[in-house]
Protein backbone atom coordinates (compact mmCIF):
# COMPACT_ATOMS: atom_id res chain seq x y z
CA MET A 1 -45.69 -7.26 19.38
CA THR A 2 -44.44 -9.27 16.40
CA ILE A 3 -45.24 -9.30 12.69
CA GLN A 4 -46.72 -12.80 12.93
CA SER A 5 -49.32 -11.66 15.46
CA LEU A 6 -50.54 -8.95 13.03
CA LEU A 7 -50.78 -11.08 9.88
CA SER A 8 -54.35 -12.20 10.60
CA TYR A 9 -55.48 -8.55 10.66
CA VAL A 10 -53.86 -7.99 7.25
CA ILE A 11 -55.56 -11.08 5.80
CA GLN A 12 -58.96 -9.99 7.20
CA THR A 13 -58.52 -6.52 5.69
CA ARG A 14 -57.70 -7.95 2.29
CA ARG A 15 -60.57 -10.43 2.41
CA TYR A 16 -63.35 -8.22 3.83
CA GLY A 17 -62.13 -4.66 3.15
CA SER A 18 -61.69 -3.78 6.82
CA THR A 19 -61.14 -5.37 10.21
CA TYR A 20 -61.41 -4.60 13.92
CA VAL A 21 -58.05 -4.22 15.63
CA HIS A 22 -58.28 -5.00 19.34
CA SER A 23 -57.56 -2.09 21.67
CA ALA A 24 -54.61 -3.86 23.33
CA VAL A 25 -53.01 -4.32 19.91
CA ARG A 26 -53.68 -0.69 18.97
CA LYS A 27 -51.94 0.48 22.15
CA ALA A 28 -48.96 -1.84 21.63
CA VAL A 29 -48.40 -1.06 17.94
CA HIS A 30 -49.15 2.68 17.82
CA GLY A 31 -50.76 2.17 14.38
CA TRP A 32 -49.11 4.50 11.94
CA GLN A 33 -45.60 3.84 13.25
CA GLY A 34 -46.07 0.13 12.73
CA VAL A 35 -44.01 -2.88 13.67
CA GLU A 36 -40.97 -3.91 11.68
CA GLY A 37 -39.86 -7.50 11.27
CA THR A 38 -38.76 -10.09 8.74
CA LEU A 39 -40.93 -12.29 6.56
CA ASN A 40 -39.10 -14.90 4.48
CA GLY A 41 -35.85 -12.96 4.82
CA GLU A 42 -37.31 -9.60 3.72
CA ARG A 43 -37.78 -6.60 6.00
CA VAL A 44 -41.48 -5.73 6.28
CA VAL A 45 -43.57 -3.28 8.28
CA ALA A 46 -47.13 -3.86 9.51
CA THR A 47 -49.32 -0.80 10.09
CA PHE A 48 -52.99 -0.02 10.54
CA CYS A 49 -55.15 3.06 10.17
CA GLY A 50 -58.69 4.06 11.04
CA TYR A 51 -61.24 3.47 8.31
CA GLY A 52 -64.55 4.63 9.72
CA ARG A 53 -67.27 3.68 12.12
CA SER A 54 -69.79 0.88 11.85
CA ILE A 55 -73.12 2.38 12.82
CA GLN A 56 -74.85 -1.01 13.09
CA ALA A 57 -72.19 -2.66 15.24
CA GLY A 58 -71.25 0.49 17.15
CA GLY A 59 -67.51 -0.10 16.74
CA HIS A 60 -64.72 1.34 14.68
CA LYS A 61 -63.21 -0.18 11.53
CA TYR A 62 -59.53 -0.36 10.67
CA LYS A 63 -57.38 -1.35 7.72
CA ALA A 64 -54.17 -3.29 8.36
CA HIS A 65 -51.31 -3.12 5.87
CA LEU A 66 -48.11 -5.11 5.33
CA ARG A 67 -45.44 -3.55 3.10
CA TYR A 68 -41.82 -4.15 2.19
CA VAL A 69 -39.51 -1.63 3.90
CA SER A 70 -37.14 -1.29 0.91
CA SER A 71 -39.71 -0.64 -1.83
CA GLY A 72 -42.89 0.31 0.03
CA LYS A 73 -44.89 -2.17 -2.05
CA PRO A 74 -47.52 -4.41 -0.43
CA VAL A 75 -46.55 -7.97 0.44
CA PRO A 76 -48.56 -10.44 -1.73
CA SER A 77 -51.41 -12.26 -0.01
CA LYS A 78 -50.10 -15.63 -1.18
CA LEU A 79 -46.85 -15.04 0.70
CA ILE A 80 -48.74 -14.09 3.86
CA GLY A 81 -50.95 -17.18 3.51
CA SER A 82 -47.93 -19.45 3.19
CA VAL A 83 -46.53 -18.15 6.49
CA LEU A 84 -49.79 -18.61 8.41
């Protein structure tokens, strides 16, 4: 699993407040451990965590995060958008 394959989940979380992370991705990433990679020469880590359950849709909600490894600060959405 690569950082680029998780960027769409991060964008959806920032746009809508939560997202659904497919079960195959959840098994490959192991959520809280995340996936490390580089984005424009900076080391970043993508993680996700459970957010709650959607009663109407019957599924679970997740929040995906993308942070710099060195500082722990979130990667700006504009930077993510320029890579996609």
